């Protein structure tokens, strides 16, 4: 049986971490699995039953550490790893540098929305292109990410493999659509880190104008404390949750506002739970809309207008459309064979 090492920088709950857990779940009967991360946390606990061994080393948090690179090499060699699947920036750097030391190692880098573009500058983008030469394959999770890779980063299209993000389905009883309290008393939830490029600020501004809607925010981040100090009473902050099903179940609609997105798993989870949705009008988010919600500009007037409009729509019908779209396009059980075939092709 082949041996696969999944590596993510942070073990806290997030999109890349949820993707990693789901991937390890569907591969557990086909590969011996190993996991590497920077510290103890949610993901390490979740994947422990699936793993032969876990490598925890805080050196992964440093942008460049030869010591960490050699310790990672030792772990990979001693466990006879055949393939590394790296998610997140630092994990991707070390996994690909490792290929210099271990040329026969297969290395897959997973882009969850090119941080070299939305957080970086021309230098970061040049580094990303150079690292692509050390990558066996780059797995992109959206058509938008694929286009950015070729048009902006100038990565060889032969290196790129597109498989749209997908997650394991929820049970209906875990997050079935609930009826709104009434037409003008609604609960909206946004699940995202309080960091750029997310735009919780617009939704909090809207809360001041729409006191009849209760807004719930899930996530941590550097801007969280500032928002807590300046939010109205119809806003609740829940921090990081390890189980999103209860908050999804108690919400009437799901909102995700952002200046940039790849293919966010939180959006897919909203569809899986049969939630009506409001998303920022980005090309990457259009795939999540099909008679199940609205796309909006990232300004307060547009967001307020959409929130008022959706209150007068049939939320039950919108929710059913979300669930239908999830099963047709984003259900991981329907893509399991595609992922397995991809990993086999690069080992």
Protein backbone atom coordinates (compact mmCIF):
# COMPACT_ATOMS: atom_id res chain seq x y z
CA UNK A 1 0.00 0.00 0.00
CA UNK A 2 1.31 3.47 -0.93
CA UNK A 3 2.05 5.99 1.80
CA UNK A 4 0.73 9.57 1.71
CA UNK A 5 1.68 12.49 3.94
CA UNK A 6 -0.78 15.39 4.26
CA UNK A 7 0.73 18.62 5.57
CA UNK A 8 -0.94 21.86 6.65
CA UNK A 9 0.69 24.72 8.55
CA UNK A 10 -2.06 25.39 11.10
CA UNK A 11 -4.20 22.64 12.70
CA UNK A 12 -7.08 24.98 13.59
CA UNK A 13 -10.45 24.60 11.89
CA UNK A 14 -10.49 26.28 8.48
CA UNK A 15 -11.09 25.61 4.81
CA UNK A 16 -7.75 23.94 4.06
CA UNK A 17 -8.01 21.90 7.25
CA UNK A 18 -11.56 20.71 6.51
CA UNK A 19 -10.45 19.80 2.97
CA UNK A 20 -7.52 17.83 4.38
CA UNK A 21 -9.70 15.89 6.82
CA UNK A 22 -12.23 14.97 4.14
CA UNK A 23 -9.48 13.89 1.74
CA UNK A 24 -7.85 11.70 4.37
CA UNK A 25 -11.25 10.18 5.14
CA UNK A 26 -11.85 9.05 1.55
CA UNK A 27 -8.27 7.83 1.10
CA UNK A 28 -7.94 5.91 4.36
CA UNK A 29 -8.74 2.56 2.72
CA UNK A 30 -6.37 3.14 -0.20
CA UNK A 31 -3.23 4.62 1.42
CA UNK A 32 -1.31 4.46 4.66
CA UNK A 33 -1.76 7.99 5.91
CA UNK A 34 0.55 10.36 7.77
CA UNK A 35 0.05 13.96 8.87
CA UNK A 36 2.37 16.92 9.57
CA UNK A 37 1.51 20.28 11.11
CA UNK A 38 2.97 23.06 13.24
CA UNK A 39 1.28 22.40 16.59
CA UNK A 40 -1.34 20.35 18.39
CA UNK A 41 -4.92 21.25 17.49
CA UNK A 42 -8.28 20.40 15.97
CA UNK A 43 -7.06 18.74 12.78
CA UNK A 44 -4.46 16.59 14.49
CA UNK A 45 -7.12 15.27 16.85
CA UNK A 46 -9.53 14.61 13.97
CA UNK A 47 -7.10 12.67 11.77
CA UNK A 48 -5.37 10.70 14.54
CA UNK A 49 -7.59 7.61 14.05
CA UNK A 50 -6.74 7.66 10.33
CA UNK A 51 -2.97 8.06 10.68
CA UNK A 52 0.01 5.78 11.13
CA UNK A 53 1.99 8.67 12.59
CA UNK A 54 1.78 12.46 13.09
CA UNK A 55 4.71 14.87 12.86
CA UNK A 56 4.23 18.05 14.92
CA UNK A 57 6.97 20.67 14.68
CA UNK A 58 6.58 24.42 15.25
CA UNK A 59 9.42 25.04 12.80
CA UNK A 60 6.75 24.85 10.10
CA UNK A 61 5.52 28.27 11.23
CA UNK A 62 8.82 29.90 10.21
CA UNK A 63 9.07 31.08 6.63
CA UNK A 64 12.51 29.57 6.12
CA UNK A 65 14.13 27.04 8.43
CA UNK A 66 16.75 24.58 7.21
CA UNK A 67 16.43 22.76 10.52
CA UNK A 68 12.76 22.12 9.94
CA UNK A 69 13.37 21.06 6.33
CA UNK A 70 15.88 18.41 7.43
CA UNK A 71 13.62 17.19 10.25
CA UNK A 72 10.77 16.85 7.76
CA UNK A 73 13.09 14.98 5.39
CA UNK A 74 13.98 12.54 8.18
CA UNK A 75 10.30 11.90 8.92
CA UNK A 76 9.50 11.32 5.24
CA UNK A 77 12.46 8.97 4.68
CA UNK A 78 11.92 6.95 7.85
CA UNK A 79 8.27 6.36 6.96
CA UNK A 80 8.95 5.67 3.26
CA UNK A 81 6.46 8.31 2.12
CA UNK A 82 5.51 8.11 -1.56
CA UNK A 83 3.51 11.32 -1.93
CA UNK A 84 3.05 14.59 -0.04
CA UNK A 85 -0.17 16.60 -0.36
CA UNK A 86 0.46 20.12 0.95
CA UNK A 87 -2.15 22.76 1.75
CA UNK A 88 -1.35 26.32 2.90
CA UNK A 89 1.61 28.54 2.00
CA UNK A 90 4.36 27.41 4.39
CA UNK A 91 3.44 23.75 4.01
CA UNK A 92 3.64 24.18 0.25
CA UNK A 93 7.08 25.79 0.43
CA UNK A 94 8.67 23.07 2.58
CA UNK A 95 7.01 20.20 0.72
CA UNK A 96 8.35 21.44 -2.59
CA UNK A 97 11.83 22.27 -1.30
CA UNK A 98 11.92 18.72 0.01
CA UNK A 99 11.82 17.49 -3.58
CA UNK A 100 15.32 18.92 -4.06
CA UNK A 101 16.54 16.53 -1.36
CA UNK A 102 14.26 13.64 -2.40
CA UNK A 103 13.86 13.80 -6.20
CA UNK A 104 11.74 10.63 -6.41
CA UNK A 105 9.13 12.01 -3.99
CA UNK A 106 5.78 13.02 -5.53
CA UNK A 107 4.62 16.43 -4.30
CA UNK A 108 1.14 17.85 -4.79
CA UNK A 109 0.46 21.45 -3.82
CA UNK A 110 -3.18 22.38 -3.27
CA UNK A 111 -4.13 25.99 -3.95
CA UNK A 112 -7.04 27.16 -1.82
CA UNK A 113 -7.13 30.63 -3.42
CA UNK A 114 -3.63 31.88 -4.38
CA UNK A 115 -2.34 33.86 -1.38
CA UNK A 116 0.64 34.90 -3.53
CA UNK A 117 -1.84 37.05 -5.47
CA UNK A 118 -4.24 38.47 -2.89
CA UNK A 119 -1.69 38.84 -0.06
CA UNK A 120 1.57 39.10 -1.90
CA UNK A 121 3.32 41.17 -4.53
CA UNK A 122 5.34 40.48 -7.67
CA UNK A 123 8.10 38.80 -5.61
CA UNK A 124 5.68 36.33 -3.98
CA UNK A 125 4.28 35.57 -7.41
CA UNK A 126 7.75 34.92 -8.84
CA UNK A 127 8.52 32.59 -5.92
CA UNK A 128 5.26 30.72 -6.55
CA UNK A 129 6.16 30.25 -10.20
CA UNK A 130 9.66 28.98 -9.30
CA UNK A 131 8.22 26.55 -6.76
CA UNK A 132 5.90 25.19 -9.44
CA UNK A 133 8.94 23.67 -11.16
CA UNK A 134 9.50 21.55 -8.03
CA UNK A 135 5.88 20.41 -7.92
CA UNK A 136 4.72 17.13 -9.41
CA UNK A 137 1.21 18.56 -9.79
CA UNK A 138 -0.73 21.57 -8.55
CA UNK A 139 -4.31 20.82 -7.59
CA UNK A 140 -6.54 23.87 -8.11
CA UNK A 141 -10.00 23.83 -6.56
CA UNK A 142 -11.82 26.27 -8.86
CA UNK A 143 -11.86 27.44 -12.46
CA UNK A 144 -11.04 30.93 -11.20
CA UNK A 145 -7.88 29.66 -9.47
CA UNK A 146 -6.88 27.81 -12.64
CA UNK A 147 -7.22 31.00 -14.69
CA UNK A 148 -5.20 33.04 -12.16
CA UNK A 149 -2.47 30.40 -12.17
CA UNK A 150 -1.99 30.63 -15.94
CA UNK A 151 -2.76 34.31 -16.54
CA UNK A 152 -1.13 35.97 -13.50
CA UNK A 153 1.38 33.49 -12.08
CA UNK A 154 2.31 32.17 -15.54
CA UNK A 155 2.42 28.57 -14.31
CA UNK A 156 2.69 25.85 -16.95
CA UNK A 157 -0.87 24.55 -17.54
CA UNK A 158 0.54 21.02 -17.71
CA UNK A 159 1.29 21.28 -13.99
CA UNK A 160 -2.32 22.16 -13.14
CA UNK A 161 -5.14 19.74 -12.35
CA UNK A 162 -8.62 21.15 -11.72
CA UNK A 163 -10.97 19.33 -9.37
CA UNK A 164 -13.59 21.61 -7.88
CA UNK A 165 -13.86 21.59 -4.10
CA UNK A 166 -16.26 19.11 -2.56
CA UNK A 167 -17.13 17.94 0.95
CA UNK A 168 -18.73 14.93 2.56
CA UNK A 169 -22.52 15.36 2.88
CA UNK A 170 -24.35 16.05 6.13
CA UNK A 171 -27.25 14.04 7.44
CA UNK A 172 -30.58 15.81 6.91
CA UNK A 173 -31.33 15.80 10.63
CA UNK A 174 -28.03 17.57 11.40
CA UNK A 175 -28.87 20.78 9.57
CA UNK A 176 -32.23 20.56 7.86
CA UNK A 177 -33.84 23.81 6.75
CA UNK A 178 -35.82 25.38 9.58
CA UNK A 179 -38.68 27.78 9.11
CA UNK A 180 -37.95 31.44 9.73
CA UNK A 181 -39.46 32.91 12.88
CA UNK A 182 -41.44 35.15 10.57
CA UNK A 183 -40.90 37.11 7.40
CA UNK A 184 -39.29 40.03 9.21
CA UNK A 185 -37.31 38.26 11.95
CA UNK A 186 -34.41 36.37 10.42
CA UNK A 187 -31.03 34.95 11.45
CA UNK A 188 -28.01 35.23 9.15
CA UNK A 189 -24.64 33.52 9.68
CA UNK A 190 -21.20 34.22 8.22
CA UNK A 191 -18.35 31.76 8.77
CA UNK A 192 -14.89 33.14 7.97
CA UNK A 193 -11.68 34.35 9.55
CA UNK A 194 -11.62 38.01 10.56
CA UNK A 195 -8.80 38.80 8.19
CA UNK A 196 -8.37 40.18 4.69
CA UNK A 197 -9.93 39.52 2.19
CA UNK A 198 -13.09 38.75 4.25
CA UNK A 199 -15.60 41.60 4.65
CA UNK A 200 -17.47 41.10 7.90
CA UNK A 201 -17.30 44.88 8.29
CA UNK A 202 -19.98 45.42 5.64
CA UNK A 203 -22.36 42.98 7.29
CA UNK A 204 -21.84 44.59 10.69
CA UNK A 205 -22.64 47.98 9.17
CA UNK A 206 -25.81 46.47 7.71
CA UNK A 207 -26.76 45.18 11.18
CA UNK A 208 -27.11 48.78 12.36
CA UNK A 209 -29.72 49.41 9.67
CA UNK A 210 -31.57 46.07 9.97
CA UNK A 211 -32.26 45.46 13.68
CA UNK A 212 -34.86 42.80 12.79
CA UNK A 213 -32.11 40.49 11.49
CA UNK A 214 -29.77 38.76 13.93
CA UNK A 215 -26.24 38.30 12.58
CA UNK A 216 -24.02 35.49 13.86
CA UNK A 217 -20.30 35.40 13.07
CA UNK A 218 -18.12 32.31 13.41
CA UNK A 219 -14.33 32.59 13.26
CA UNK A 220 -11.25 34.13 14.81
CA UNK A 221 -8.69 36.58 13.42
CA UNK A 222 -6.77 39.78 13.96
CA UNK A 223 -9.76 42.11 13.39
CA UNK A 224 -12.21 40.29 15.66
CA UNK A 225 -11.64 42.33 18.83
CA UNK A 226 -12.13 45.62 16.99
CA UNK A 227 -15.45 44.48 15.57
CA UNK A 228 -16.64 43.28 18.96
CA UNK A 229 -16.20 46.78 20.38
CA UNK A 230 -18.29 48.48 17.70
CA UNK A 231 -21.15 46.10 16.98
CA UNK A 232 -24.88 46.55 17.69
CA UNK A 233 -26.88 44.25 19.96
CA UNK A 234 -28.21 42.14 17.07
CA UNK A 235 -24.70 40.76 16.40
CA UNK A 236 -23.21 37.66 18.07
CA UNK A 237 -19.62 36.43 17.83
CA UNK A 238 -19.09 32.72 18.49
CA UNK A 239 -15.36 32.44 17.83
CA UNK A 240 -14.06 29.20 16.36
CA UNK A 241 -16.39 26.21 16.37
CA UNK A 242 -15.34 22.63 15.78
CA UNK A 243 -18.86 21.64 14.76
CA UNK A 244 -20.73 23.99 12.42
CA UNK A 245 -23.92 21.98 12.14
CA UNK A 246 -25.75 23.52 15.15
CA UNK A 247 -25.18 27.12 14.05
CA UNK A 248 -26.11 26.25 10.47
CA UNK A 249 -29.31 24.57 11.67
CA UNK A 250 -30.37 27.62 13.68
CA UNK A 251 -29.74 30.07 10.80
CA UNK A 252 -32.16 31.09 8.08
CA UNK A 253 -29.54 32.23 5.56
CA UNK A 254 -25.78 32.02 5.00
CA UNK A 255 -23.76 35.09 3.96
CA UNK A 256 -20.16 35.25 2.75
CA UNK A 257 -18.71 38.62 1.79
CA UNK A 258 -15.13 38.77 0.54
CA UNK A 259 -12.89 40.71 -1.84
CA UNK A 260 -11.31 37.49 -3.12
CA UNK A 261 -12.19 33.80 -3.00
CA UNK A 262 -11.07 30.52 -4.50
CA UNK A 263 -13.76 27.96 -3.75
CA UNK A 264 -14.59 28.38 -0.04
CA UNK A 265 -15.66 25.26 1.80
CA UNK A 266 -17.92 27.31 4.09
CA UNK A 267 -20.02 28.18 1.04
CA UNK A 268 -20.24 24.51 0.08
CA UNK A 269 -21.23 23.62 3.64
CA UNK A 270 -24.08 26.13 3.40
CA UNK A 271 -25.31 24.39 0.26
CA UNK A 272 -24.93 20.97 1.90
CA UNK A 273 -27.12 22.20 4.75
CA UNK A 274 -29.76 23.54 2.36
CA UNK A 275 -29.34 27.22 3.20
CA UNK A 276 -30.37 30.21 1.10
CA UNK A 277 -27.24 32.25 0.40
CA UNK A 278 -25.92 35.75 -0.26
CA UNK A 279 -22.40 35.94 -1.72
CA UNK A 280 -20.08 38.66 -2.98
CA UNK A 281 -20.36 39.07 -6.73
CA UNK A 282 -17.05 37.42 -7.64
CA UNK A 283 -16.47 35.24 -10.69
CA UNK A 284 -15.39 32.39 -8.40
CA UNK A 285 -18.69 32.57 -6.46
CA UNK A 286 -21.05 32.38 -9.42
CA UNK A 287 -20.84 28.57 -9.34
CA UNK A 288 -22.68 28.59 -5.99
CA UNK A 289 -25.76 30.41 -7.25
CA UNK A 290 -28.58 28.55 -9.01
CA UNK A 291 -32.04 29.67 -7.88
CA UNK A 292 -30.82 29.57 -4.28
CA UNK A 293 -29.80 33.13 -3.41
CA UNK A 294 -28.22 36.41 -4.47
CA UNK A 295 -24.88 37.88 -5.53
CA UNK A 296 -24.07 41.38 -4.23
CA UNK A 297 -21.50 44.14 -4.60
CA UNK A 298 -19.27 44.67 -1.59
CA UNK A 299 -20.92 47.86 -0.39
CA UNK A 300 -23.44 48.44 2.36
CA UNK A 301 -26.32 49.65 0.18
CA UNK A 302 -26.16 46.55 -2.03
CA UNK A 303 -25.91 44.20 0.95
CA UNK A 304 -28.82 45.85 2.80
CA UNK A 305 -30.95 45.71 -0.36
CA UNK A 306 -30.19 41.99 -0.78
CA UNK A 307 -31.01 41.21 2.86
CA UNK A 308 -34.34 43.00 2.59
CA UNK A 309 -35.08 41.25 -0.70
CA UNK A 310 -34.30 37.74 0.53
CA UNK A 311 -36.61 38.19 3.53
CA UNK A 312 -39.51 38.39 1.08
CA UNK A 313 -38.45 35.30 -0.89
CA UNK A 314 -39.43 31.68 -0.29
CA UNK A 315 -36.57 30.53 1.93
CA UNK A 316 -37.70 26.90 1.82
CA UNK A 317 -37.55 26.83 -1.97
CA UNK A 318 -34.16 28.56 -1.99
CA UNK A 319 -32.84 26.01 0.50
CA UNK A 320 -33.99 23.07 -1.61
CA UNK A 321 -32.18 24.59 -4.60
CA UNK A 322 -28.99 24.84 -2.53
CA UNK A 323 -29.20 21.16 -1.56
CA UNK A 324 -29.87 20.15 -5.17
CA UNK A 325 -26.83 22.13 -6.38
CA UNK A 326 -24.64 20.57 -3.67
CA UNK A 327 -25.55 17.02 -4.66
CA UNK A 328 -25.08 17.75 -8.34
CA UNK A 329 -21.69 19.44 -8.07
CA UNK A 330 -20.04 19.48 -4.64
CA UNK A 331 -20.75 16.12 -2.99
CA UNK A 332 -17.38 14.48 -2.29
CA UNK A 333 -18.85 10.99 -2.41
CA UNK A 334 -19.54 11.58 -6.10
CA UNK A 335 -15.93 12.71 -6.69
CA UNK A 336 -14.11 10.10 -4.63
CA UNK A 337 -13.00 8.05 -7.65
CA UNK A 338 -11.78 11.20 -9.42
CA UNK A 339 -9.52 12.14 -6.51
CA UNK A 340 -8.17 8.61 -6.10
CA UNK A 341 -7.38 8.44 -9.81
CA UNK A 342 -5.57 11.78 -9.58
CA UNK A 343 -3.35 10.68 -6.69
CA UNK A 344 -2.57 7.40 -8.43
CA UNK A 345 -1.53 9.30 -11.55
CA UNK A 346 1.13 11.35 -9.74
CA UNK A 347 2.63 8.72 -7.41
